[in-house]
Amino acid sequence: MKGAGSRHVSSKLLKTKALLNNKRLIPHIPRTKRFNRKTLQRMLRRYRMVYLKPVHGLKGIGIMKAEKRGKKWELRHETKADLFKDVPALYRSIRRRIRKKAYLVQKGIRTLRYQGRPFDFRIMVQKNEQREWEVTGIVGRVAPPNRIVTNRSQGGTCMPARKVLRPSMKKSEIGPYVDHLYRLSRRIGRQFRKSYPNVWQLGVDIAVSRKLKPWILEVNTSPAVTPFLMLSNRSMYRRIARLVQWNRSRNAK
């Protein structure tokens, strides 16, 4: 469903558009365009690394990464990697793979790593009993070996956020940085609701660059709560579940 009255929005392009209306969020949104020959060429020329994602995709399925490797271009998908002599050859391979399915191309972010593997964060933000946006959970998602996605369904490992940040910053810096991610997520919630006023929970996926800048990869309107069950401390999961129940009962009236 795509209308402003919807609670579930599947299009990644529409969700990105909703956030781009906020000037404070724009610096945290990787450039994202509908995939075609021209956008692929332009973005590879500018960024040298991009991600290709289904516009209506779930669980990291179908995501690919294109990147400059010496004089050639590499396309990574699942655990495989193919090399191409130029961008036209790369484009033809992508087009054969996706056929007529709608895709987007997004600026690639060189993220922090945990034990040599890239990671990002899933942050749950929900409307609470005071009808304010509350961050109810954050979990680090570490990509499995030789894969480009961090989703648990694709073999990713869920870990406490502070643990995955530990190798990249001082202990005294971690708490304030997590608070920064929380503030950003609440701002995302407030902005998203301007376009979709019936939305009451979001799963925000944020990657952190090697320069410690947070980047909003995606916003999910039907986020899975299972990543929080993977943590030994279940307090986040319990709070998330309580607000899911509270919002569902309130919206059923």
Protein backbone atom coordinates (compact mmCIF):
# COMPACT_ATOMS: atom_id res chain seq x y z
CA MET A 1 0.00 0.00 0.00
CA LYS A 2 1.32 3.42 -0.93
CA GLY A 3 -1.22 6.02 0.20
CA ALA A 4 -0.66 8.52 2.99
CA GLY A 5 -3.18 6.60 5.09
CA SER A 6 -1.15 3.41 4.87
CA ARG A 7 0.61 1.84 7.83
CA HIS A 8 2.76 -0.43 5.65
CA VAL A 9 4.85 1.10 2.86
CA SER A 10 6.89 -1.31 0.73
CA SER A 11 8.57 1.01 -1.79
CA LYS A 12 12.09 1.95 -0.73
CA LEU A 13 11.95 4.91 -3.10
CA LEU A 14 8.78 6.29 -1.53
CA LYS A 15 10.20 5.85 1.97
CA THR A 16 13.38 7.67 0.97
CA LYS A 17 11.31 10.48 -0.56
CA ALA A 18 9.42 10.91 2.71
CA LEU A 19 12.69 11.50 4.61
CA LEU A 20 14.20 13.84 2.02
CA ASN A 21 11.66 16.49 3.02
CA ASN A 22 13.67 17.07 6.21
CA LYS A 23 16.82 19.17 5.76
CA ARG A 24 18.40 17.75 8.91
CA LEU A 25 18.04 14.19 7.62
CA ILE A 26 19.30 14.82 4.08
CA PRO A 27 23.03 14.63 5.03
CA HIS A 28 22.41 11.12 6.44
CA ILE A 29 20.61 9.70 3.38
CA PRO A 30 22.79 8.01 0.74
CA ARG A 31 21.97 9.17 -2.76
CA THR A 32 19.28 6.80 -4.04
CA LYS A 33 17.90 6.61 -7.58
CA ARG A 34 15.78 4.27 -9.64
CA PHE A 35 18.05 1.82 -11.43
CA ASN A 36 18.66 2.29 -15.13
CA ARG A 37 21.68 2.50 -17.42
CA LYS A 38 22.25 6.24 -16.86
CA THR A 39 21.92 6.26 -13.08
CA LEU A 40 24.24 3.28 -12.77
CA GLN A 41 26.88 4.96 -14.94
CA ARG A 42 26.62 8.30 -13.17
CA MET A 43 26.71 6.91 -9.66
CA LEU A 44 29.57 4.51 -10.33
CA ARG A 45 31.53 7.37 -11.87
CA ARG A 46 30.94 9.47 -8.75
CA TYR A 47 31.10 6.93 -5.92
CA ARG A 48 32.93 3.90 -7.42
CA MET A 49 30.77 1.66 -5.21
CA VAL A 50 26.99 1.28 -5.17
CA TYR A 51 24.37 -1.11 -3.86
CA LEU A 52 21.55 -2.39 -6.02
CA LYS A 53 18.34 -3.23 -4.19
CA PRO A 54 14.84 -4.35 -5.17
CA VAL A 55 12.42 -1.44 -4.74
CA HIS A 56 10.00 -3.84 -3.02
CA GLY A 57 12.48 -6.21 -1.38
CA LEU A 58 12.51 -8.03 1.95
CA LYS A 59 15.14 -9.68 4.17
CA GLY A 60 18.09 -8.57 2.06
CA ILE A 61 17.07 -10.86 -0.80
CA GLY A 62 18.33 -9.75 -4.21
CA ILE A 63 20.77 -7.10 -2.96
CA MET A 64 23.96 -6.71 -5.00
CA LYS A 65 27.06 -4.54 -4.77
CA ALA A 66 28.99 -3.09 -7.71
CA GLU A 67 32.48 -1.75 -7.10
CA LYS A 68 35.58 -0.65 -9.00
CA ARG A 69 38.38 -3.23 -8.76
CA GLY A 70 41.53 -2.00 -10.47
CA LYS A 71 40.58 -1.56 -14.11
CA LYS A 72 37.52 -3.79 -13.85
CA TRP A 73 34.14 -3.73 -12.15
CA GLU A 74 33.07 -6.33 -9.61
CA LEU A 75 29.48 -7.42 -9.00
CA ARG A 76 28.86 -9.23 -5.74
CA HIS A 77 25.65 -11.14 -5.05
CA GLU A 78 25.09 -13.64 -2.24
CA THR A 79 28.52 -15.31 -1.86
CA LYS A 80 29.57 -14.89 -5.49
CA ALA A 81 31.63 -12.23 -7.28
CA ASP A 82 31.95 -11.61 -11.02
CA LEU A 83 34.31 -9.22 -12.83
CA PHE A 84 33.47 -7.13 -15.90
CA LYS A 85 35.68 -5.13 -18.23
CA ASP A 86 33.45 -2.04 -18.24
CA VAL A 87 30.20 -0.57 -16.95
CA PRO A 88 28.12 -1.54 -20.05
CA ALA A 89 29.05 -5.19 -19.50
CA LEU A 90 28.25 -4.84 -15.80
CA TYR A 91 24.88 -3.27 -16.62
CA ARG A 92 23.96 -6.06 -19.01
CA SER A 93 24.72 -8.67 -16.36
CA ILE A 94 22.60 -6.85 -13.76
CA ARG A 95 19.73 -6.46 -16.21
CA ARG A 96 19.80 -10.17 -17.07
CA ARG A 97 19.74 -10.98 -13.37
CA ILE A 98 16.86 -8.70 -12.36
CA ARG A 99 14.91 -8.86 -15.66
CA LYS A 100 11.94 -6.50 -15.37
CA LYS A 101 11.97 -6.22 -11.58
CA ALA A 102 12.12 -2.64 -10.27
CA TYR A 103 15.48 -1.87 -8.65
CA LEU A 104 17.20 1.14 -7.13
CA VAL A 105 20.86 2.10 -7.05
CA GLN A 106 22.24 3.56 -3.81
CA LYS A 107 25.55 5.16 -2.92
CA GLY A 108 27.78 2.59 -1.23
CA ILE A 109 28.99 3.25 2.32
CA ARG A 110 32.31 1.89 3.55
CA THR A 111 31.17 0.89 7.00
CA LEU A 112 32.80 0.06 10.28
CA ARG A 113 33.70 -3.59 10.76
CA TYR A 114 33.56 -6.03 13.61
CA GLN A 115 36.18 -8.78 13.41
CA GLY A 116 36.67 -7.94 9.76
CA ARG A 117 32.98 -8.10 8.84
CA PRO A 118 30.72 -5.11 8.03
CA PHE A 119 27.86 -4.35 10.38
CA ASP A 120 24.92 -2.01 10.72
CA PHE A 121 22.21 -1.33 13.28
CA ARG A 122 18.50 -2.12 13.41
CA ILE A 123 16.86 0.49 15.61
CA MET A 124 13.22 0.11 16.66
CA VAL A 125 11.32 3.35 17.15
CA GLN A 126 7.67 3.22 18.22
CA LYS A 127 4.86 5.45 19.35
CA ASN A 128 4.57 5.08 23.12
CA GLU A 129 1.74 5.59 25.62
CA GLN A 130 2.42 9.35 25.60
CA ARG A 131 2.10 9.27 21.79
CA GLU A 132 5.73 10.22 21.39
CA TRP A 133 8.40 8.42 19.37
CA GLU A 134 10.47 6.21 21.64
CA VAL A 135 13.52 4.17 20.73
CA THR A 136 12.71 0.77 22.17
CA GLY A 137 15.63 -1.26 20.87
CA ILE A 138 18.95 -1.26 19.05
CA VAL A 139 20.87 -4.29 17.84
CA GLY A 140 24.06 -4.64 15.85
CA ARG A 141 23.82 -6.89 12.78
CA VAL A 142 27.11 -8.36 11.60
CA ALA A 143 27.34 -9.76 8.08
CA PRO A 144 28.30 -13.42 7.70
CA PRO A 145 31.63 -14.21 6.01
CA ASN A 146 31.74 -13.41 2.29
CA ARG A 147 28.31 -11.79 2.22
CA ILE A 148 27.33 -8.17 1.69
CA VAL A 149 24.11 -8.13 3.73
CA THR A 150 23.67 -8.22 7.51
CA ASN A 151 20.12 -9.57 7.71
CA ARG A 152 19.66 -12.41 10.18
CA SER A 153 17.68 -14.33 7.54
CA GLN A 154 20.81 -14.24 5.35
CA GLY A 155 23.07 -15.55 8.10
CA GLY A 156 23.85 -12.29 9.90
CA THR A 157 24.70 -12.30 13.61
CA CYS A 158 22.77 -10.11 16.06
CA MET A 159 24.88 -8.56 18.81
CA PRO A 160 24.62 -5.78 21.41
CA ALA A 161 25.22 -2.38 19.81
CA ARG A 162 27.88 -1.35 22.29
CA LYS A 163 29.84 -4.54 21.68
CA VAL A 164 30.19 -4.02 17.93
CA LEU A 165 31.21 -0.38 18.46
CA ARG A 166 33.88 -1.23 21.02
CA PRO A 167 36.74 -1.86 18.54
CA SER A 168 36.06 1.46 16.74
CA MET A 169 35.85 4.03 19.53
CA LYS A 170 36.76 4.72 23.12
CA LYS A 171 34.55 3.28 25.83
CA SER A 172 33.59 6.79 26.97
CA GLU A 173 32.45 7.66 23.43
CA ILE A 174 30.08 4.73 22.92
CA GLY A 175 27.21 5.91 25.15
CA PRO A 176 27.01 9.42 23.64
CA TYR A 177 27.24 7.95 20.14
CA VAL A 178 24.36 5.54 20.77
CA ASP A 179 22.35 8.49 22.14
CA HIS A 180 23.09 10.30 18.87
CA LEU A 181 21.68 7.36 16.91
CA TYR A 182 18.60 7.41 19.14
CA ARG A 183 17.98 11.12 18.46
CA LEU A 184 18.39 10.54 14.73
CA SER A 185 15.91 7.65 14.83
CA ARG A 186 13.29 9.68 16.69
CA ARG A 187 13.67 12.44 14.11
CA ILE A 188 13.13 9.85 11.37
CA GLY A 189 9.94 8.74 13.09
CA ARG A 190 8.58 12.27 13.36
CA GLN A 191 9.39 13.05 9.74
CA PHE A 192 8.06 9.78 8.35
CA ARG A 193 4.73 10.23 10.10
CA LYS A 194 4.21 13.54 8.28
CA SER A 195 3.89 11.57 5.04
CA TYR A 196 2.28 8.47 6.57
CA PRO A 197 0.31 9.53 9.67
CA ASN A 198 -0.93 6.02 10.47
CA VAL A 199 2.55 4.58 10.95
CA TRP A 200 3.33 3.87 14.61
CA GLN A 201 6.51 1.81 14.42
CA LEU A 202 9.61 1.75 12.28
CA GLY A 203 12.68 -0.44 12.00
CA VAL A 204 15.46 1.95 11.04
CA ASP A 205 18.59 0.46 9.45
CA ILE A 206 21.63 2.65 10.01
CA ALA A 207 25.21 2.03 8.91
CA VAL A 208 28.19 3.88 10.35
CA SER A 209 30.98 4.97 8.04
CA ARG A 210 34.64 4.64 8.93
CA LYS A 211 34.53 8.36 9.78
CA LEU A 212 31.72 7.56 12.27
CA LYS A 213 28.98 9.23 10.24
CA PRO A 214 25.59 7.50 10.50
CA TRP A 215 23.84 6.74 7.21
CA ILE A 216 20.16 5.79 6.91
CA LEU A 217 20.08 2.70 4.70
CA GLU A 218 16.38 1.95 4.93
CA VAL A 219 13.23 2.43 6.97
CA ASN A 220 10.95 -0.57 7.50
CA THR A 221 7.27 -0.13 8.34
CA SER A 222 6.75 -3.83 9.15
CA PRO A 223 9.95 -4.57 11.09
CA ALA A 224 10.69 -8.03 12.43
CA VAL A 225 11.30 -8.17 16.19
CA THR A 226 13.19 -11.47 16.09
CA PRO A 227 16.66 -9.80 16.05
CA PHE A 228 15.98 -8.62 19.60
CA LEU A 229 15.20 -12.17 20.68
CA MET A 230 18.77 -13.06 19.76
CA LEU A 231 20.13 -10.86 22.56
CA SER A 232 20.70 -12.42 25.98
CA ASN A 233 19.07 -9.37 27.58
CA ARG A 234 15.36 -9.53 26.66
CA SER A 235 14.38 -6.13 28.12
CA MET A 236 14.32 -4.45 24.68
CA TYR A 237 12.19 -7.22 23.22
CA ARG A 238 9.70 -6.99 26.10
CA ARG A 239 9.31 -3.23 25.67
CA ILE A 240 8.90 -3.59 21.90
CA ALA A 241 6.25 -6.30 22.36
CA ARG A 242 4.34 -4.20 24.91
CA LEU A 243 4.14 -1.24 22.54
CA VAL A 244 3.16 -3.45 19.60
CA GLN A 245 0.25 -4.74 21.68
CA TRP A 246 -0.64 -1.25 22.96
CA ASN A 247 -0.64 0.32 19.49
CA ARG A 248 -2.60 -2.52 17.93
CA SER A 249 -5.29 -2.31 20.60
CA ARG A 250 -5.46 1.47 20.29
CA ASN A 251 -5.68 1.40 16.50
CA ALA A 252 -8.33 -1.32 16.55
CA LYS A 253 -10.78 0.98 18.33
